[in-house]
PDB file of N, CA and C in Angstrom:
ATOM      1  N   MET A   1      29.093  -3.803  -3.767  1.00  0.00           N
ATOM      2  CA  MET A   1      30.193  -3.325  -3.096  1.00  0.00           C
ATOM      3  C   MET A   1      30.631  -4.343  -2.033  1.00  0.00           C
ATOM      4  N   PRO A   2      31.936  -4.616  -1.951  1.00  0.00           N
ATOM      5  CA  PRO A   2      32.340  -5.585  -0.956  1.00  0.00           C
ATOM      6  C   PRO A   2      32.219  -5.285   0.354  1.00  0.00           C
ATOM      7  N   ARG A   3      32.038  -6.275   1.373  1.00  0.00           N
ATOM      8  CA  ARG A   3      32.115  -5.907   2.776  1.00  0.00           C
ATOM      9  C   ARG A   3      33.318  -6.600   3.162  1.00  0.00           C
ATOM     10  N   ALA A   4      33.604  -6.175   4.518  1.00  0.00           N
ATOM     11  CA  ALA A   4      34.818  -6.876   5.198  1.00  0.00           C
ATOM     12  C   ALA A   4      34.268  -7.968   6.005  1.00  0.00           C
ATOM     13  N   GLY A   5      35.058  -9.153   5.974  1.00  0.00           N
ATOM     14  CA  GLY A   5      34.636 -10.244   6.752  1.00  0.00           C
ATOM     15  C   GLY A   5      35.233 -10.036   8.063  1.00  0.00           C
ATOM     16  N   SER A   6      34.923 -11.052   8.928  1.00  0.00           N
ATOM     17  CA  SER A   6      35.580 -11.077  10.306  1.00  0.00           C
ATOM     18  C   SER A   6      37.094 -11.040  10.356  1.00  0.00           C
ATOM     19  N   ASP A   7      37.650 -11.662   9.237  1.00  0.00           N
ATOM     20  CA  ASP A   7      39.092 -11.803   9.148  1.00  0.00           C
ATOM     21  C   ASP A   7      39.675 -10.552   8.315  1.00  0.00           C
ATOM     22  N   GLY A   8      38.884  -9.556   7.930  1.00  0.00           N
ATOM     23  CA  GLY A   8      39.372  -8.496   7.222  1.00  0.00           C
ATOM     24  C   GLY A   8      39.326  -8.685   5.671  1.00  0.00           C
ATOM     25  N   SER A   9      38.790  -9.975   5.280  1.00  0.00           N
ATOM     26  CA  SER A   9      38.983 -10.128   3.831  1.00  0.00           C
ATOM     27  C   SER A   9      37.785  -9.632   3.230  1.00  0.00           C
ATOM     28  N   GLU A  10      37.692  -9.338   1.878  1.00  0.00           N
ATOM     29  CA  GLU A  10      36.620  -8.826   1.263  1.00  0.00           C
ATOM     30  C   GLU A  10      35.541  -9.944   0.989  1.00  0.00           C
ATOM     31  N   LEU A  11      34.306  -9.518   1.205  1.00  0.00           N
ATOM     32  CA  LEU A  11      33.274 -10.394   0.858  1.00  0.00           C
ATOM     33  C   LEU A  11      32.359  -9.941  -0.155  1.00  0.00           C
ATOM     34  N   TYR A  12      31.781 -10.642  -0.877  1.00  0.00           N
ATOM     35  CA  TYR A  12      30.786 -10.093  -1.913  1.00  0.00           C
ATOM     36  C   TYR A  12      29.529 -10.933  -2.007  1.00  0.00           C
ATOM     37  N   SER A  13      28.367 -10.274  -2.150  1.00  0.00           N
ATOM     38  CA  SER A  13      27.150 -11.034  -2.332  1.00  0.00           C
ATOM     39  C   SER A  13      26.993 -11.464  -3.691  1.00  0.00           C
ATOM     40  N   ILE A  14      26.100 -12.291  -4.126  1.00  0.00           N
ATOM     41  CA  ILE A  14      25.850 -12.762  -5.511  1.00  0.00           C
ATOM     42  C   ILE A  14      25.368 -11.592  -6.203  1.00  0.00           C
ATOM     43  N   ALA A  15      24.729 -10.678  -5.745  1.00  0.00           N
ATOM     44  CA  ALA A  15      24.158  -9.501  -6.534  1.00  0.00           C
ATOM     45  C   ALA A  15      25.228  -8.522  -6.719  1.00  0.00           C
ATOM     46  N   ASP A  16      26.241  -8.477  -5.721  1.00  0.00           N
ATOM     47  CA  ASP A  16      27.497  -7.595  -6.013  1.00  0.00           C
ATOM     48  C   ASP A  16      28.163  -8.079  -7.351  1.00  0.00           C
ATOM     49  N   LEU A  17      28.467  -9.363  -7.422  1.00  0.00           N
ATOM     50  CA  LEU A  17      29.141  -9.937  -8.551  1.00  0.00           C
ATOM     51  C   LEU A  17      28.319  -9.810  -9.825  1.00  0.00           C
ATOM     52  N   ALA A  18      27.203 -10.142  -9.727  1.00  0.00           N
ATOM     53  CA  ALA A  18      26.348 -10.066 -11.029  1.00  0.00           C
ATOM     54  C   ALA A  18      26.204  -8.564 -11.482  1.00  0.00           C
ATOM     55  N   LYS A  19      26.211  -7.628 -10.603  1.00  0.00           N
ATOM     56  CA  LYS A  19      26.051  -6.351 -11.129  1.00  0.00           C
ATOM     57  C   LYS A  19      27.494  -5.858 -11.599  1.00  0.00           C
ATOM     58  N   GLU A  20      28.449  -6.247 -10.924  1.00  0.00           N
ATOM     59  CA  GLU A  20      29.898  -5.798 -11.325  1.00  0.00           C
ATOM     60  C   GLU A  20      30.234  -6.284 -12.780  1.00  0.00           C
ATOM     61  N   PHE A  21      29.789  -7.625 -12.958  1.00  0.00           N
ATOM     62  CA  PHE A  21      30.191  -8.159 -14.340  1.00  0.00           C
ATOM     63  C   PHE A  21      29.097  -8.262 -15.231  1.00  0.00           C
ATOM     64  N   GLU A  22      27.916  -7.626 -14.937  1.00  0.00           N
ATOM     65  CA  GLU A  22      26.861  -7.495 -15.787  1.00  0.00           C
ATOM     66  C   GLU A  22      26.305  -8.848 -16.297  1.00  0.00           C
ATOM     67  N   ILE A  23      26.210  -9.819 -15.417  1.00  0.00           N
ATOM     68  CA  ILE A  23      25.629 -11.072 -15.660  1.00  0.00           C
ATOM     69  C   ILE A  23      24.565 -11.439 -14.616  1.00  0.00           C
ATOM     70  N   SER A  24      23.732 -12.373 -14.878  1.00  0.00           N
ATOM     71  CA  SER A  24      22.586 -12.714 -13.946  1.00  0.00           C
ATOM     72  C   SER A  24      23.095 -13.428 -12.703  1.00  0.00           C
ATOM     73  N   THR A  25      22.369 -13.416 -11.865  1.00  0.00           N
ATOM     74  CA  THR A  25      22.585 -14.274 -10.602  1.00  0.00           C
ATOM     75  C   THR A  25      22.419 -15.717 -10.828  1.00  0.00           C
ATOM     76  N   ARG A  26      21.679 -15.990 -11.851  1.00  0.00           N
ATOM     77  CA  ARG A  26      21.486 -17.340 -12.312  1.00  0.00           C
ATOM     78  C   ARG A  26      22.683 -17.917 -12.939  1.00  0.00           C
ATOM     79  N   THR A  27      23.390 -17.010 -13.709  1.00  0.00           N
ATOM     80  CA  THR A  27      24.679 -17.501 -14.233  1.00  0.00           C
ATOM     81  C   THR A  27      25.561 -17.868 -13.337  1.00  0.00           C
ATOM     82  N   ILE A  28      25.720 -17.120 -12.160  1.00  0.00           N
ATOM     83  CA  ILE A  28      26.708 -17.264 -10.982  1.00  0.00           C
ATOM     84  C   ILE A  28      26.298 -18.593 -10.415  1.00  0.00           C
ATOM     85  N   ARG A  29      24.995 -18.834 -10.189  1.00  0.00           N
ATOM     86  CA  ARG A  29      24.581 -20.045  -9.531  1.00  0.00           C
ATOM     87  C   ARG A  29      24.832 -21.369 -10.318  1.00  0.00           C
ATOM     88  N   PHE A  30      24.669 -21.170 -11.626  1.00  0.00           N
ATOM     89  CA  PHE A  30      25.038 -22.253 -12.667  1.00  0.00           C
ATOM     90  C   PHE A  30      26.596 -22.491 -12.540  1.00  0.00           C
ATOM     91  N   TYR A  31      27.381 -21.510 -12.408  1.00  0.00           N
ATOM     92  CA  TYR A  31      28.854 -21.843 -12.414  1.00  0.00           C
ATOM     93  C   TYR A  31      29.035 -22.593 -10.919  1.00  0.00           C
ATOM     94  N   GLU A  32      28.252 -22.234  -9.990  1.00  0.00           N
ATOM     95  CA  GLU A  32      28.505 -22.885  -8.748  1.00  0.00           C
ATOM     96  C   GLU A  32      28.114 -24.330  -8.806  1.00  0.00           C
ATOM     97  N   THR A  33      26.963 -24.612  -9.529  1.00  0.00           N
ATOM     98  CA  THR A  33      26.509 -26.034  -9.714  1.00  0.00           C
ATOM     99  C   THR A  33      27.446 -26.883 -10.448  1.00  0.00           C
ATOM    100  N   LYS A  34      28.274 -26.187 -11.333  1.00  0.00           N
ATOM    101  CA  LYS A  34      29.308 -26.853 -12.178  1.00  0.00           C
ATOM    102  C   LYS A  34      30.601 -26.987 -11.352  1.00  0.00           C
ATOM    103  N   GLU A  35      30.600 -26.505 -10.079  1.00  0.00           N
ATOM    104  CA  GLU A  35      31.721 -26.529  -9.269  1.00  0.00           C
ATOM    105  C   GLU A  35      32.801 -25.847  -9.686  1.00  0.00           C
ATOM    106  N   LEU A  36      32.740 -24.601 -10.384  1.00  0.00           N
ATOM    107  CA  LEU A  36      33.543 -23.642 -10.799  1.00  0.00           C
ATOM    108  C   LEU A  36      33.840 -22.654  -9.830  1.00  0.00           C
ATOM    109  N   LEU A  37      32.714 -22.447  -8.924  1.00  0.00           N
ATOM    110  CA  LEU A  37      32.724 -21.454  -7.944  1.00  0.00           C
ATOM    111  C   LEU A  37      32.407 -22.269  -6.634  1.00  0.00           C
ATOM    112  N   SER A  38      32.893 -21.791  -5.430  1.00  0.00           N
ATOM    113  CA  SER A  38      32.494 -22.477  -4.249  1.00  0.00           C
ATOM    114  C   SER A  38      32.234 -21.438  -3.117  1.00  0.00           C
ATOM    115  N   PRO A  39      31.286 -20.615  -3.175  1.00  0.00           N
ATOM    116  CA  PRO A  39      31.105 -19.670  -2.131  1.00  0.00           C
ATOM    117  C   PRO A  39      30.883 -20.298  -0.815  1.00  0.00           C
ATOM    118  N   GLU A  40      31.110 -19.492   0.310  1.00  0.00           N
ATOM    119  CA  GLU A  40      30.746 -20.157   1.688  1.00  0.00           C
ATOM    120  C   GLU A  40      29.313 -19.685   1.772  1.00  0.00           C
ATOM    121  N   ARG A  41      28.758 -20.273   2.884  1.00  0.00           N
ATOM    122  CA  ARG A  41      27.255 -19.934   3.317  1.00  0.00           C
ATOM    123  C   ARG A  41      27.229 -19.386   4.634  1.00  0.00           C
ATOM    124  N   VAL A  42      26.390 -18.426   4.755  1.00  0.00           N
ATOM    125  CA  VAL A  42      26.089 -17.769   6.098  1.00  0.00           C
ATOM    126  C   VAL A  42      24.682 -17.861   6.108  1.00  0.00           C
ATOM    127  N   GLY A  43      24.070 -19.023   6.865  1.00  0.00           N
ATOM    128  CA  GLY A  43      22.716 -19.372   6.711  1.00  0.00           C
ATOM    129  C   GLY A  43      22.401 -19.760   5.320  1.00  0.00           C
ATOM    130  N   SER A  44      21.584 -19.107   4.631  1.00  0.00           N
ATOM    131  CA  SER A  44      21.135 -19.571   3.246  1.00  0.00           C
ATOM    132  C   SER A  44      21.748 -18.588   2.330  1.00  0.00           C
ATOM    133  N   THR A  45      22.564 -17.539   2.651  1.00  0.00           N
ATOM    134  CA  THR A  45      23.278 -16.592   1.741  1.00  0.00           C
ATOM    135  C   THR A  45      24.537 -17.016   1.383  1.00  0.00           C
ATOM    136  N   ARG A  46      24.682 -16.799   0.025  1.00  0.00           N
ATOM    137  CA  ARG A  46      26.112 -17.091  -0.501  1.00  0.00           C
ATOM    138  C   ARG A  46      26.881 -16.028  -0.196  1.00  0.00           C
ATOM    139  N   VAL A  47      28.095 -16.369   0.232  1.00  0.00           N
ATOM    140  CA  VAL A  47      29.154 -15.198   0.496  1.00  0.00           C
ATOM    141  C   VAL A  47      30.443 -15.631  -0.260  1.00  0.00           C
ATOM    142  N   PHE A  48      30.759 -14.795  -1.234  1.00  0.00           N
ATOM    143  CA  PHE A  48      31.905 -14.949  -2.123  1.00  0.00           C
ATOM    144  C   PHE A  48      33.013 -14.165  -1.635  1.00  0.00           C
ATOM    145  N   ARG A  49      34.263 -14.788  -1.695  1.00  0.00           N
ATOM    146  CA  ARG A  49      35.458 -14.123  -1.314  1.00  0.00           C
ATOM    147  C   ARG A  49      36.182 -13.761  -2.631  1.00  0.00           C
ATOM    148  N   ARG A  50      37.319 -12.999  -2.306  1.00  0.00           N
ATOM    149  CA  ARG A  50      38.058 -12.467  -3.360  1.00  0.00           C
ATOM    150  C   ARG A  50      38.677 -13.574  -4.378  1.00  0.00           C
ATOM    151  N   ARG A  51      38.843 -14.680  -3.906  1.00  0.00           N
ATOM    152  CA  ARG A  51      39.282 -15.861  -4.687  1.00  0.00           C
ATOM    153  C   ARG A  51      38.078 -16.255  -5.613  1.00  0.00           C
ATOM    154  N   ASP A  52      36.816 -16.160  -5.269  1.00  0.00           N
ATOM    155  CA  ASP A  52      35.779 -16.594  -6.019  1.00  0.00           C
ATOM    156  C   ASP A  52      35.607 -15.461  -7.113  1.00  0.00           C
ATOM    157  N   ARG A  53      35.785 -14.362  -6.885  1.00  0.00           N
ATOM    158  CA  ARG A  53      35.690 -13.252  -7.765  1.00  0.00           C
ATOM    159  C   ARG A  53      36.843 -13.352  -8.779  1.00  0.00           C
ATOM    160  N   ALA A  54      37.966 -13.726  -8.463  1.00  0.00           N
ATOM    161  CA  ALA A  54      39.140 -13.930  -9.548  1.00  0.00           C
ATOM    162  C   ALA A  54      38.717 -15.112 -10.301  1.00  0.00           C
ATOM    163  N   ARG A  55      38.112 -16.188  -9.807  1.00  0.00           N
ATOM    164  CA  ARG A  55      37.722 -17.234 -10.635  1.00  0.00           C
ATOM    165  C   ARG A  55      36.831 -16.951 -11.522  1.00  0.00           C
ATOM    166  N   LEU A  56      35.768 -16.069 -11.005  1.00  0.00           N
ATOM    167  CA  LEU A  56      34.829 -15.708 -12.012  1.00  0.00           C
ATOM    168  C   LEU A  56      35.211 -14.878 -13.133  1.00  0.00           C
ATOM    169  N   ILE A  57      36.233 -14.073 -12.877  1.00  0.00           N
ATOM    170  CA  ILE A  57      36.857 -13.230 -13.916  1.00  0.00           C
ATOM    171  C   ILE A  57      37.454 -14.363 -14.939  1.00  0.00           C
ATOM    172  N   LEU A  58      38.121 -15.216 -14.498  1.00  0.00           N
ATOM    173  CA  LEU A  58      38.760 -16.353 -15.503  1.00  0.00           C
ATOM    174  C   LEU A  58      37.736 -17.080 -16.180  1.00  0.00           C
ATOM    175  N   ILE A  59      36.499 -17.370 -15.577  1.00  0.00           N
ATOM    176  CA  ILE A  59      35.571 -18.187 -16.261  1.00  0.00           C
ATOM    177  C   ILE A  59      35.024 -17.334 -17.270  1.00  0.00           C
ATOM    178  N   LEU A  60      34.811 -16.029 -17.001  1.00  0.00           N
ATOM    179  CA  LEU A  60      34.053 -15.207 -18.044  1.00  0.00           C
ATOM    180  C   LEU A  60      34.994 -14.934 -19.189  1.00  0.00           C
ATOM    181  N   ARG A  61      36.290 -14.677 -18.860  1.00  0.00           N
ATOM    182  CA  ARG A  61      37.269 -14.518 -19.895  1.00  0.00           C
ATOM    183  C   ARG A  61      37.424 -15.710 -20.717  1.00  0.00           C
ATOM    184  N   GLY A  62      37.448 -16.876 -20.125  1.00  0.00           N
ATOM    185  CA  GLY A  62      37.494 -18.188 -20.901  1.00  0.00           C
ATOM    186  C   GLY A  62      36.179 -18.348 -21.808  1.00  0.00           C
ATOM    187  N   LYS A  63      35.125 -18.063 -21.228  1.00  0.00           N
ATOM    188  CA  LYS A  63      33.830 -18.235 -22.203  1.00  0.00           C
ATOM    189  C   LYS A  63      33.920 -17.243 -23.250  1.00  0.00           C
ATOM    190  N   ARG A  64      34.472 -15.866 -23.156  1.00  0.00           N
ATOM    191  CA  ARG A  64      34.603 -15.042 -24.139  1.00  0.00           C
ATOM    192  C   ARG A  64      35.554 -15.559 -25.236  1.00  0.00           C
ATOM    193  N   LEU A  65      36.505 -16.262 -24.811  1.00  0.00           N
ATOM    194  CA  LEU A  65      37.549 -16.779 -25.764  1.00  0.00           C
ATOM    195  C   LEU A  65      36.965 -18.078 -26.497  1.00  0.00           C
ATOM    196  N   GLY A  66      36.036 -18.582 -26.032  1.00  0.00           N
ATOM    197  CA  GLY A  66      35.247 -19.737 -26.576  1.00  0.00           C
ATOM    198  C   GLY A  66      35.598 -21.095 -26.021  1.00  0.00           C
ATOM    199  N   PHE A  67      36.180 -21.060 -24.774  1.00  0.00           N
ATOM    200  CA  PHE A  67      36.573 -22.420 -24.189  1.00  0.00           C
ATOM    201  C   PHE A  67      35.244 -22.946 -23.600  1.00  0.00           C
ATOM    202  N   SER A  68      35.245 -24.151 -23.523  1.00  0.00           N
ATOM    203  CA  SER A  68      34.252 -25.056 -22.856  1.00  0.00           C
ATOM    204  C   SER A  68      34.345 -24.942 -21.460  1.00  0.00           C
ATOM    205  N   LEU A  69      33.172 -25.199 -20.728  1.00  0.00           N
ATOM    206  CA  LEU A  69      33.265 -25.190 -19.191  1.00  0.00           C
ATOM    207  C   LEU A  69      34.258 -26.317 -18.684  1.00  0.00           C
ATOM    208  N   ARG A  70      34.436 -27.359 -19.440  1.00  0.00           N
ATOM    209  CA  ARG A  70      35.303 -28.434 -19.078  1.00  0.00           C
ATOM    210  C   ARG A  70      36.766 -27.863 -19.217  1.00  0.00           C
ATOM    211  N   GLU A  71      37.092 -27.199 -20.215  1.00  0.00           N
ATOM    212  CA  GLU A  71      38.350 -26.620 -20.354  1.00  0.00           C
ATOM    213  C   GLU A  71      38.758 -25.559 -19.453  1.00  0.00           C
ATOM    214  N   ILE A  72      37.651 -24.833 -19.031  1.00  0.00           N
ATOM    215  CA  ILE A  72      37.852 -23.813 -18.064  1.00  0.00           C
ATOM    216  C   ILE A  72      38.149 -24.416 -16.701  1.00  0.00           C
ATOM    217  N   SER A  73      37.219 -25.586 -16.393  1.00  0.00           N
ATOM    218  CA  SER A  73      37.316 -26.247 -15.067  1.00  0.00           C
ATOM    219  C   SER A  73      38.755 -26.851 -14.874  1.00  0.00           C
ATOM    220  N   GLU A  74      39.215 -27.364 -16.013  1.00  0.00           N
ATOM    221  CA  GLU A  74      40.672 -28.141 -16.057  1.00  0.00           C
ATOM    222  C   GLU A  74      41.540 -27.025 -15.719  1.00  0.00           C
ATOM    223  N   TYR A  75      41.495 -25.832 -16.392  1.00  0.00           N
ATOM    224  CA  TYR A  75      42.470 -24.822 -16.145  1.00  0.00           C
ATOM    225  C   TYR A  75      42.474 -24.278 -14.883  1.00  0.00           C
ATOM    226  N   LEU A  76      41.224 -24.060 -14.200  1.00  0.00           N
ATOM    227  CA  LEU A  76      41.153 -23.587 -12.762  1.00  0.00           C
ATOM    228  C   LEU A  76      41.725 -24.659 -11.877  1.00  0.00           C
ATOM    229  N   SER A  77      41.561 -25.889 -12.203  1.00  0.00           N
ATOM    230  CA  SER A  77      42.085 -26.994 -11.212  1.00  0.00           C
ATOM    231  C   SER A  77      43.552 -27.009 -11.124  1.00  0.00           C
ATOM    232  N   LEU A  78      44.157 -26.590 -12.277  1.00  0.00           N
ATOM    233  CA  LEU A  78      45.606 -26.625 -12.185  1.00  0.00           C
ATOM    234  C   LEU A  78      46.172 -25.576 -11.235  1.00  0.00           C
ATOM    235  N   TYR A  79      45.430 -24.586 -11.032  1.00  0.00           N
ATOM    236  CA  TYR A  79      46.003 -23.543 -10.025  1.00  0.00           C
ATOM    237  C   TYR A  79      46.208 -24.089  -8.641  1.00  0.00           C
ATOM    238  N   GLU A  80      45.382 -25.076  -8.239  1.00  0.00           N
ATOM    239  CA  GLU A  80      45.533 -25.565  -6.880  1.00  0.00           C
ATOM    240  C   GLU A  80      46.665 -26.528  -6.878  1.00  0.00           C
ATOM    241  N   VAL A  81      47.187 -27.223  -7.993  1.00  0.00           N
ATOM    242  CA  VAL A  81      48.013 -28.423  -7.918  1.00  0.00           C
ATOM    243  C   VAL A  81      49.572 -27.799  -8.072  1.00  0.00           C
ATOM    244  N   ASP A  82      49.708 -26.571  -8.786  1.00  0.00           N
ATOM    245  CA  ASP A  82      51.035 -26.238  -8.879  1.00  0.00           C
ATOM    246  C   ASP A  82      51.229 -24.866  -8.437  1.00  0.00           C
ATOM    247  N   PRO A  83      51.905 -24.648  -7.181  1.00  0.00           N
ATOM    248  CA  PRO A  83      51.985 -23.254  -6.714  1.00  0.00           C
ATOM    249  C   PRO A  83      52.915 -22.289  -7.552  1.00  0.00           C
ATOM    250  N   THR A  84      53.601 -22.819  -8.417  1.00  0.00           N
ATOM    251  CA  THR A  84      54.456 -21.919  -9.337  1.00  0.00           C
ATOM    252  C   THR A  84      53.574 -21.449 -10.668  1.00  0.00           C
ATOM    253  N   HIS A  85      52.387 -22.268 -10.754  1.00  0.00           N
ATOM    254  CA  HIS A  85      51.326 -21.931 -11.878  1.00  0.00           C
ATOM    255  C   HIS A  85      51.944 -22.147 -13.336  1.00  0.00           C
ATOM    256  N   ASN A  86      53.175 -22.802 -13.315  1.00  0.00           N
ATOM    257  CA  ASN A  86      53.866 -23.171 -14.644  1.00  0.00           C
ATOM    258  C   ASN A  86      53.017 -23.971 -15.431  1.00  0.00           C
ATOM    259  N   THR A  87      52.413 -25.077 -14.824  1.00  0.00           N
ATOM    260  CA  THR A  87      51.522 -25.892 -15.426  1.00  0.00           C
ATOM    261  C   THR A  87      50.178 -25.334 -15.990  1.00  0.00           C
ATOM    262  N   GLN A  88      49.681 -24.426 -15.143  1.00  0.00           N
ATOM    263  CA  GLN A  88      48.479 -23.705 -15.608  1.00  0.00           C
ATOM    264  C   GLN A  88      48.853 -22.852 -16.844  1.00  0.00           C
ATOM    265  N   ARG A  89      49.927 -22.189 -16.693  1.00  0.00           N
ATOM    266  CA  ARG A  89      50.356 -21.320 -17.806  1.00  0.00           C
ATOM    267  C   ARG A  89      50.590 -22.075 -19.038  1.00  0.00           C
ATOM    268  N   SER A  90      51.103 -23.152 -19.022  1.00  0.00           N
ATOM    269  CA  SER A  90      51.382 -23.981 -20.225  1.00  0.00           C
ATOM    270  C   SER A  90      50.126 -24.443 -20.780  1.00  0.00           C
ATOM    271  N   ARG A  91      49.186 -24.877 -19.936  1.00  0.00           N
ATOM    272  CA  ARG A  91      47.922 -25.505 -20.421  1.00  0.00           C
ATOM    273  C   ARG A  91      47.060 -24.393 -21.028  1.00  0.00           C
ATOM    274  N   LEU A  92      47.146 -23.122 -20.518  1.00  0.00           N
ATOM    275  CA  LEU A  92      46.441 -22.030 -21.135  1.00  0.00           C
ATOM    276  C   LEU A  92      47.042 -21.701 -22.558  1.00  0.00           C
ATOM    277  N   LEU A  93      48.296 -21.716 -22.733  1.00  0.00           N
ATOM    278  CA  LEU A  93      48.978 -21.376 -23.973  1.00  0.00           C
ATOM    279  C   LEU A  93      48.560 -22.415 -24.783  1.00  0.00           C
ATOM    280  N   GLU A  94      48.518 -23.750 -24.564  1.00  0.00           N
ATOM    281  CA  GLU A  94      48.070 -24.824 -25.263  1.00  0.00           C
ATOM    282  C   GLU A  94      46.711 -24.641 -25.793  1.00  0.00           C
ATOM    283  N   LEU A  95      45.725 -24.252 -24.941  1.00  0.00           N
ATOM    284  CA  LEU A  95      44.472 -24.092 -25.200  1.00  0.00           C
ATOM    285  C   LEU A  95      44.219 -22.886 -26.237  1.00  0.00           C
ATOM    286  N   VAL A  96      45.012 -21.771 -25.902  1.00  0.00           N
ATOM    287  CA  VAL A  96      44.879 -20.684 -26.734  1.00  0.00           C
ATOM    288  C   VAL A  96      45.419 -20.961 -28.167  1.00  0.00           C
ATOM    289  N   ASP A  97      46.551 -21.675 -28.292  1.00  0.00           N
ATOM    290  CA  ASP A  97      46.993 -22.125 -29.653  1.00  0.00           C
ATOM    291  C   ASP A  97      45.984 -22.812 -30.344  1.00  0.00           C
ATOM    292  N   LYS A  98      45.322 -23.911 -29.688  1.00  0.00           N
ATOM    293  CA  LYS A  98      44.394 -24.651 -30.437  1.00  0.00           C
ATOM    294  C   LYS A  98      43.157 -23.916 -30.794  1.00  0.00           C
ATOM    295  N   ARG A  99      42.676 -22.975 -29.804  1.00  0.00           N
ATOM    296  CA  ARG A  99      41.671 -22.183 -30.277  1.00  0.00           C
ATOM    297  C   ARG A  99      41.807 -21.267 -31.517  1.00  0.00           C
ATOM    298  N   LEU A 100      43.039 -20.665 -31.588  1.00  0.00           N
ATOM    299  CA  LEU A 100      43.406 -19.760 -32.646  1.00  0.00           C
ATOM    300  C   LEU A 100      43.565 -20.652 -34.020  1.00  0.00           C
ATOM    301  N   ASP A 101      43.984 -21.896 -33.816  1.00  0.00           N
ATOM    302  CA  ASP A 101      44.064 -22.724 -35.056  1.00  0.00           C
ATOM    303  C   ASP A 101      42.629 -22.981 -35.497  1.00  0.00           C
ATOM    304  N   LEU A 102      41.708 -23.180 -34.634  1.00  0.00           N
ATOM    305  CA  LEU A 102      40.319 -23.596 -35.020  1.00  0.00           C
ATOM    306  C   LEU A 102      39.710 -22.263 -35.590  1.00  0.00           C
ATOM    307  N   LEU A 103      40.023 -21.105 -35.107  1.00  0.00           N
ATOM    308  CA  LEU A 103      39.496 -19.935 -35.615  1.00  0.00           C
ATOM    309  C   LEU A 103      40.195 -19.686 -37.057  1.00  0.00           C
ATOM    310  N   THR A 104      41.318 -19.782 -37.160  1.00  0.00           N
ATOM    311  CA  THR A 104      42.015 -19.659 -38.530  1.00  0.00           C
ATOM    312  C   THR A 104      41.284 -20.561 -39.555  1.00  0.00           C
ATOM    313  N   GLN A 105      41.130 -21.845 -38.979  1.00  0.00           N
ATOM    314  CA  GLN A 105      40.473 -22.929 -39.951  1.00  0.00           C
ATOM    315  C   GLN A 105      39.072 -22.275 -40.442  1.00  0.00           C
ATOM    316  N   GLN A 106      38.330 -21.815 -39.355  1.00  0.00           N
ATOM    317  CA  GLN A 106      36.934 -21.358 -39.738  1.00  0.00           C
ATOM    318  C   GLN A 106      36.948 -20.133 -40.573  1.00  0.00           C
ATOM    319  N   MET A 107      37.923 -19.297 -40.449  1.00  0.00           N
ATOM    320  CA  MET A 107      38.125 -18.033 -41.389  1.00  0.00           C
ATOM    321  C   MET A 107      38.322 -18.481 -42.829  1.00  0.00           C
ATOM    322  N   SER A 108      39.095 -19.620 -43.016  1.00  0.00           N
ATOM    323  CA  SER A 108      39.504 -20.014 -44.387  1.00  0.00           C
ATOM    324  C   SER A 108      38.423 -20.824 -44.873  1.00  0.00           C
ATOM    325  N   ASP A 109      37.564 -21.403 -43.996  1.00  0.00           N
ATOM    326  CA  ASP A 109      36.480 -22.134 -44.672  1.00  0.00           C
ATOM    327  C   ASP A 109      35.463 -21.190 -45.221  1.00  0.00           C
TER     328      ASP A 109
END
């Protein structure tokens, strides 16, 4: 369950996110080591914001679609570069098309 930060923003613990998305805390820490998530620290406790939660949703969705962590990382980094998100959208469409081609090829094989 999210808590309110001092600025009124929603804060999540690692256990909150693990429970919500039915993944292990170890998985979340792994994504943190790969620099896909960057929680803040309060002492030794990880504090995730709404942005981290949104990134986790995109990471998990990308994994379900079969994207590599490198492709997911590239996609997430585009969000910071282009405020219109057009570059990010274009790259996602390119990746999805590539993935669909691969799946079609696998089905025919």
